[in-house]
């Protein structure tokens, strides 16, 4: 039985770490949109699941309960879209070597 080549293994680990740093930078640039109430509330989040923008149609501001419900729905829709984009990016970078769900869990994404 041959011994594993630790030099090659270390090189692969280093390359994987560099790829993950690149993916994290890419996730900052990815934008996902979500909306609710037929577009009365719209949210934008990035691939790191940070809320970037929130738009609320001024005409609905007199119904606080509805606005609150629509904001929650729009942000959740955007976060779900962001998690899917992130998983796709991670899958591309991992090239099938690593389970994207595990990486997302370690990055605290899509929870």
N, C-alpha and C. Protein backbone atom coordinates (compact mmCIF):
# COMPACT_ATOMS: atom_id res chain seq x y z
N UNK A 1 0.84 -1.17 0.00
CA UNK A 1 0.00 0.00 0.00
C UNK A 1 0.89 1.24 0.00
N UNK A 2 0.59 2.19 -0.88
CA UNK A 2 1.43 3.38 -0.96
C UNK A 2 0.96 4.43 0.03
N UNK A 3 1.88 5.22 0.48
CA UNK A 3 1.60 6.29 1.42
C UNK A 3 0.98 7.47 0.65
N UNK A 4 0.03 8.16 1.27
CA UNK A 4 -0.54 9.33 0.60
C UNK A 4 0.52 10.42 0.47
N UNK A 5 0.42 11.17 -0.58
CA UNK A 5 1.36 12.27 -0.82
C UNK A 5 0.83 13.50 -0.08
N UNK A 6 1.42 13.77 1.08
CA UNK A 6 0.95 14.86 1.92
C UNK A 6 1.19 16.23 1.27
N UNK A 7 2.23 16.32 0.48
CA UNK A 7 2.51 17.57 -0.22
C UNK A 7 1.37 17.91 -1.18
N UNK A 8 0.92 16.90 -1.94
CA UNK A 8 -0.21 17.12 -2.85
C UNK A 8 -1.48 17.45 -2.09
N UNK A 9 -1.70 16.76 -0.98
CA UNK A 9 -2.90 17.01 -0.17
C UNK A 9 -2.89 18.44 0.36
N UNK A 10 -1.76 18.90 0.85
CA UNK A 10 -1.65 20.26 1.38
C UNK A 10 -1.87 21.29 0.27
N UNK A 11 -1.34 21.00 -0.91
CA UNK A 11 -1.53 21.89 -2.04
C UNK A 11 -3.01 21.99 -2.40
N UNK A 12 -3.71 20.85 -2.41
CA UNK A 12 -5.14 20.85 -2.72
C UNK A 12 -5.92 21.61 -1.65
N UNK A 13 -5.58 21.44 -0.39
CA UNK A 13 -6.26 22.17 0.68
C UNK A 13 -6.05 23.67 0.54
N UNK A 14 -4.82 24.06 0.21
CA UNK A 14 -4.53 25.49 0.02
C UNK A 14 -5.35 26.04 -1.14
N UNK A 15 -5.41 25.30 -2.24
CA UNK A 15 -6.18 25.74 -3.41
C UNK A 15 -7.66 25.84 -3.06
N UNK A 16 -8.16 24.88 -2.31
CA UNK A 16 -9.57 24.92 -1.91
C UNK A 16 -9.84 26.14 -1.04
N UNK A 17 -8.94 26.45 -0.12
CA UNK A 17 -9.10 27.64 0.72
C UNK A 17 -9.11 28.91 -0.09
N UNK A 18 -8.23 28.99 -1.08
CA UNK A 18 -8.19 30.16 -1.95
C UNK A 18 -9.48 30.28 -2.77
N UNK A 19 -9.99 29.15 -3.24
CA UNK A 19 -11.25 29.17 -3.99
C UNK A 19 -12.39 29.68 -3.11
N UNK A 20 -12.41 29.24 -1.85
CA UNK A 20 -13.49 29.65 -0.95
C UNK A 20 -13.40 31.15 -0.66
N UNK A 21 -12.20 31.70 -0.56
CA UNK A 21 -12.06 33.14 -0.38
C UNK A 21 -12.60 33.88 -1.60
N UNK A 22 -12.31 33.35 -2.78
CA UNK A 22 -12.84 33.95 -4.01
C UNK A 22 -14.37 33.87 -4.04
N UNK A 23 -14.91 32.74 -3.62
CA UNK A 23 -16.37 32.58 -3.60
C UNK A 23 -17.00 33.60 -2.65
N UNK A 24 -16.41 33.78 -1.49
CA UNK A 24 -16.96 34.75 -0.54
C UNK A 24 -16.97 36.15 -1.13
N UNK A 25 -15.94 36.52 -1.87
CA UNK A 25 -15.92 37.82 -2.54
C UNK A 25 -17.01 37.91 -3.60
N UNK A 26 -17.19 36.81 -4.35
CA UNK A 26 -18.24 36.78 -5.38
C UNK A 26 -19.62 36.91 -4.76
N UNK A 27 -19.82 36.28 -3.61
CA UNK A 27 -21.13 36.33 -2.97
C UNK A 27 -21.51 37.75 -2.58
N UNK A 28 -20.53 38.56 -2.26
CA UNK A 28 -20.80 39.96 -1.93
C UNK A 28 -21.41 40.69 -3.13
N UNK A 29 -21.03 40.26 -4.34
CA UNK A 29 -21.46 40.94 -5.57
C UNK A 29 -22.79 40.43 -6.11
N UNK A 30 -23.18 39.22 -5.72
CA UNK A 30 -24.45 38.66 -6.20
C UNK A 30 -25.61 39.39 -5.55
N UNK A 31 -26.62 39.70 -6.35
CA UNK A 31 -27.80 40.39 -5.84
C UNK A 31 -29.03 39.53 -6.11
N UNK A 32 -29.86 39.37 -5.08
CA UNK A 32 -31.12 38.64 -5.22
C UNK A 32 -32.25 39.56 -4.82
N UNK A 33 -33.35 39.45 -5.55
CA UNK A 33 -34.52 40.29 -5.28
C UNK A 33 -35.65 39.45 -4.73
N UNK A 34 -36.46 40.08 -3.91
CA UNK A 34 -37.69 39.46 -3.42
C UNK A 34 -38.77 40.52 -3.38
N UNK A 35 -39.99 40.09 -3.54
CA UNK A 35 -41.09 41.05 -3.47
C UNK A 35 -42.31 40.40 -2.86
N UNK A 36 -43.24 41.25 -2.45
CA UNK A 36 -44.51 40.78 -1.89
C UNK A 36 -45.58 41.82 -2.21
N UNK A 37 -46.81 41.36 -2.16
CA UNK A 37 -47.92 42.27 -2.43
C UNK A 37 -47.91 42.80 -3.85
N UNK A 38 -47.53 41.95 -4.79
CA UNK A 38 -47.52 42.38 -6.19
C UNK A 38 -46.50 43.48 -6.45
N UNK A 39 -45.43 43.51 -5.68
CA UNK A 39 -44.38 44.51 -5.88
C UNK A 39 -44.53 45.73 -5.00
N UNK A 40 -45.53 45.74 -4.12
CA UNK A 40 -45.68 46.89 -3.23
C UNK A 40 -44.51 46.99 -2.25
N UNK A 41 -43.91 45.84 -1.94
CA UNK A 41 -42.71 45.81 -1.11
C UNK A 41 -41.67 44.99 -1.85
N UNK A 42 -40.48 45.58 -2.00
CA UNK A 42 -39.38 44.89 -2.69
C UNK A 42 -38.13 44.96 -1.83
N UNK A 43 -37.37 43.87 -1.84
CA UNK A 43 -36.13 43.80 -1.07
C UNK A 43 -35.01 43.29 -1.96
N UNK A 44 -33.79 43.78 -1.70
CA UNK A 44 -32.58 43.29 -2.37
C UNK A 44 -31.61 42.86 -1.30
N UNK A 45 -31.04 41.67 -1.49
CA UNK A 45 -30.01 41.17 -0.59
C UNK A 45 -28.84 40.68 -1.44
N UNK A 46 -27.65 40.63 -0.82
CA UNK A 46 -26.51 40.09 -1.57
C UNK A 46 -26.35 38.61 -1.24
N UNK A 47 -25.38 37.99 -1.88
CA UNK A 47 -25.15 36.56 -1.69
C UNK A 47 -24.67 36.19 -0.30
N UNK A 48 -24.26 37.16 0.48
CA UNK A 48 -23.88 36.92 1.87
C UNK A 48 -25.08 37.13 2.79
N UNK A 49 -26.23 37.33 2.17
CA UNK A 49 -27.52 37.48 2.85
C UNK A 49 -27.59 38.73 3.72
N UNK A 50 -27.05 39.81 3.19
CA UNK A 50 -27.15 41.12 3.82
C UNK A 50 -28.21 41.91 3.08
N UNK A 51 -29.14 42.49 3.81
CA UNK A 51 -30.18 43.31 3.20
C UNK A 51 -29.54 44.60 2.69
N UNK A 52 -29.71 44.87 1.39
CA UNK A 52 -29.11 46.05 0.77
C UNK A 52 -30.12 47.17 0.55
N UNK A 53 -31.31 46.80 0.14
CA UNK A 53 -32.35 47.80 -0.14
C UNK A 53 -33.71 47.26 0.26
N UNK A 54 -34.58 48.19 0.64
CA UNK A 54 -35.97 47.86 0.93
C UNK A 54 -36.83 49.00 0.40
N UNK A 55 -37.77 48.66 -0.47
CA UNK A 55 -38.67 49.66 -1.04
C UNK A 55 -40.09 49.33 -0.60
N UNK A 56 -40.77 50.34 -0.07
CA UNK A 56 -42.17 50.18 0.33
C UNK A 56 -42.97 51.24 -0.41
N UNK A 57 -43.99 50.81 -1.12
CA UNK A 57 -44.87 51.74 -1.83
C UNK A 57 -45.53 52.65 -0.81
N UNK A 58 -45.37 53.97 -0.94
CA UNK A 58 -45.94 54.90 0.03
C UNK A 58 -47.46 54.80 0.18
N UNK A 59 -48.14 54.30 -0.84
CA UNK A 59 -49.60 54.22 -0.79
C UNK A 59 -50.11 53.20 0.23
N UNK A 60 -49.26 52.29 0.69
CA UNK A 60 -49.72 51.28 1.65
C UNK A 60 -49.30 51.59 3.08
N UNK A 61 -48.68 52.72 3.29
CA UNK A 61 -48.12 53.04 4.61
C UNK A 61 -49.18 53.22 5.70
N UNK A 62 -50.43 53.40 5.33
CA UNK A 62 -51.45 53.60 6.36
C UNK A 62 -51.91 52.27 6.99
N UNK A 63 -51.53 51.16 6.44
CA UNK A 63 -51.90 49.85 6.99
C UNK A 63 -50.64 49.16 7.55
N UNK A 64 -50.32 49.47 8.79
CA UNK A 64 -49.08 49.02 9.42
C UNK A 64 -48.96 47.49 9.42
N UNK A 65 -50.04 46.80 9.78
CA UNK A 65 -49.98 45.34 9.84
C UNK A 65 -49.65 44.74 8.47
N UNK A 66 -50.28 45.27 7.44
CA UNK A 66 -50.02 44.75 6.09
C UNK A 66 -48.57 45.04 5.69
N UNK A 67 -48.09 46.24 5.98
CA UNK A 67 -46.71 46.60 5.63
C UNK A 67 -45.73 45.66 6.32
N UNK A 68 -45.95 45.40 7.59
CA UNK A 68 -45.06 44.51 8.32
C UNK A 68 -45.06 43.12 7.71
N UNK A 69 -46.24 42.60 7.40
CA UNK A 69 -46.32 41.26 6.78
C UNK A 69 -45.63 41.22 5.42
N UNK A 70 -45.84 42.26 4.62
CA UNK A 70 -45.24 42.29 3.29
C UNK A 70 -43.72 42.44 3.36
N UNK A 71 -43.23 43.22 4.32
CA UNK A 71 -41.78 43.37 4.47
C UNK A 71 -41.15 42.03 4.82
N UNK A 72 -41.74 41.33 5.77
CA UNK A 72 -41.22 40.01 6.16
C UNK A 72 -41.22 39.07 4.96
N UNK A 73 -42.32 39.04 4.21
CA UNK A 73 -42.42 38.15 3.05
C UNK A 73 -41.40 38.52 1.98
N UNK A 74 -41.26 39.80 1.68
CA UNK A 74 -40.32 40.23 0.63
C UNK A 74 -38.87 39.91 1.01
N UNK A 75 -38.52 40.17 2.26
CA UNK A 75 -37.14 39.89 2.70
C UNK A 75 -36.89 38.39 2.70
N UNK A 76 -37.84 37.61 3.17
CA UNK A 76 -37.66 36.15 3.15
C UNK A 76 -37.53 35.62 1.74
N UNK A 77 -38.31 36.15 0.80
CA UNK A 77 -38.19 35.74 -0.60
C UNK A 77 -36.80 36.07 -1.15
N UNK A 78 -36.31 37.26 -0.83
CA UNK A 78 -34.98 37.65 -1.30
C UNK A 78 -33.90 36.77 -0.68
N UNK A 79 -34.04 36.45 0.61
CA UNK A 79 -33.05 35.60 1.28
C UNK A 79 -33.03 34.19 0.69
N UNK A 80 -34.21 33.66 0.36
CA UNK A 80 -34.26 32.34 -0.27
C UNK A 80 -33.58 32.36 -1.63
N UNK A 81 -33.83 33.41 -2.41
CA UNK A 81 -33.19 33.53 -3.72
C UNK A 81 -31.68 33.68 -3.56
N UNK A 82 -31.27 34.43 -2.55
CA UNK A 82 -29.84 34.62 -2.28
C UNK A 82 -29.18 33.31 -1.89
N UNK A 83 -29.83 32.52 -1.07
CA UNK A 83 -29.27 31.23 -0.66
C UNK A 83 -29.10 30.31 -1.86
N UNK A 84 -30.05 30.34 -2.78
CA UNK A 84 -29.94 29.51 -3.99
C UNK A 84 -28.78 29.97 -4.87
N UNK A 85 -28.64 31.29 -5.03
CA UNK A 85 -27.52 31.83 -5.81
C UNK A 85 -26.19 31.44 -5.17
N UNK A 86 -26.12 31.55 -3.84
CA UNK A 86 -24.89 31.21 -3.12
C UNK A 86 -24.55 29.73 -3.31
N UNK A 87 -25.56 28.89 -3.20
CA UNK A 87 -25.33 27.45 -3.35
C UNK A 87 -24.82 27.14 -4.76
N UNK A 88 -25.37 27.81 -5.76
CA UNK A 88 -24.91 27.61 -7.14
C UNK A 88 -23.45 28.03 -7.31
N UNK A 89 -23.09 29.17 -6.74
CA UNK A 89 -21.71 29.65 -6.83
C UNK A 89 -20.75 28.70 -6.13
N UNK A 90 -21.15 28.23 -4.96
CA UNK A 90 -20.29 27.32 -4.19
C UNK A 90 -20.14 26.00 -4.94
N UNK A 91 -21.21 25.52 -5.54
CA UNK A 91 -21.14 24.28 -6.32
C UNK A 91 -20.15 24.41 -7.47
N UNK A 92 -20.21 25.55 -8.15
CA UNK A 92 -19.28 25.77 -9.26
C UNK A 92 -17.83 25.76 -8.77
N UNK A 93 -17.60 26.45 -7.66
CA UNK A 93 -16.23 26.57 -7.14
C UNK A 93 -15.72 25.24 -6.59
N UNK A 94 -16.61 24.48 -5.96
CA UNK A 94 -16.20 23.22 -5.34
C UNK A 94 -15.97 22.13 -6.36
N UNK A 95 -16.58 22.25 -7.51
CA UNK A 95 -16.38 21.26 -8.57
C UNK A 95 -16.73 19.85 -8.15
N UNK A 96 -17.73 19.70 -7.28
CA UNK A 96 -18.18 18.38 -6.86
C UNK A 96 -17.35 17.76 -5.75
N UNK A 97 -16.29 18.46 -5.31
CA UNK A 97 -15.43 17.90 -4.27
C UNK A 97 -16.04 18.04 -2.87
N UNK A 98 -16.86 19.07 -2.68
CA UNK A 98 -17.39 19.38 -1.36
C UNK A 98 -18.89 19.60 -1.48
N UNK A 99 -19.63 19.20 -0.48
CA UNK A 99 -21.07 19.40 -0.45
C UNK A 99 -21.36 20.89 -0.20
N UNK A 100 -22.02 21.59 -1.15
CA UNK A 100 -22.30 23.02 -0.99
C UNK A 100 -23.10 23.33 0.28
N UNK A 101 -23.98 22.45 0.67
CA UNK A 101 -24.78 22.70 1.88
C UNK A 101 -23.89 22.78 3.11
N UNK A 102 -22.86 21.95 3.17
CA UNK A 102 -21.93 22.00 4.29
C UNK A 102 -21.17 23.32 4.32
N UNK A 103 -20.74 23.78 3.16
CA UNK A 103 -20.01 25.04 3.08
C UNK A 103 -20.93 26.19 3.49
N UNK A 104 -22.17 26.18 2.98
CA UNK A 104 -23.11 27.25 3.33
C UNK A 104 -23.36 27.29 4.82
N UNK A 105 -23.45 26.11 5.44
CA UNK A 105 -23.64 26.05 6.88
C UNK A 105 -22.46 26.67 7.60
N UNK A 106 -21.25 26.38 7.13
CA UNK A 106 -20.05 26.95 7.75
C UNK A 106 -19.94 28.45 7.53
N UNK A 107 -20.52 28.96 6.45
CA UNK A 107 -20.52 30.39 6.17
C UNK A 107 -21.73 31.08 6.79
N UNK A 108 -22.59 30.32 7.48
CA UNK A 108 -23.82 30.86 8.08
C UNK A 108 -24.76 31.44 7.04
N UNK A 109 -24.90 30.74 5.92
CA UNK A 109 -25.81 31.17 4.84
C UNK A 109 -26.94 30.17 4.70
N UNK A 110 -28.10 30.67 4.35
CA UNK A 110 -29.23 29.80 4.06
C UNK A 110 -29.76 29.05 5.26
N UNK A 111 -29.62 29.63 6.42
CA UNK A 111 -30.06 28.97 7.65
C UNK A 111 -31.53 29.20 7.88
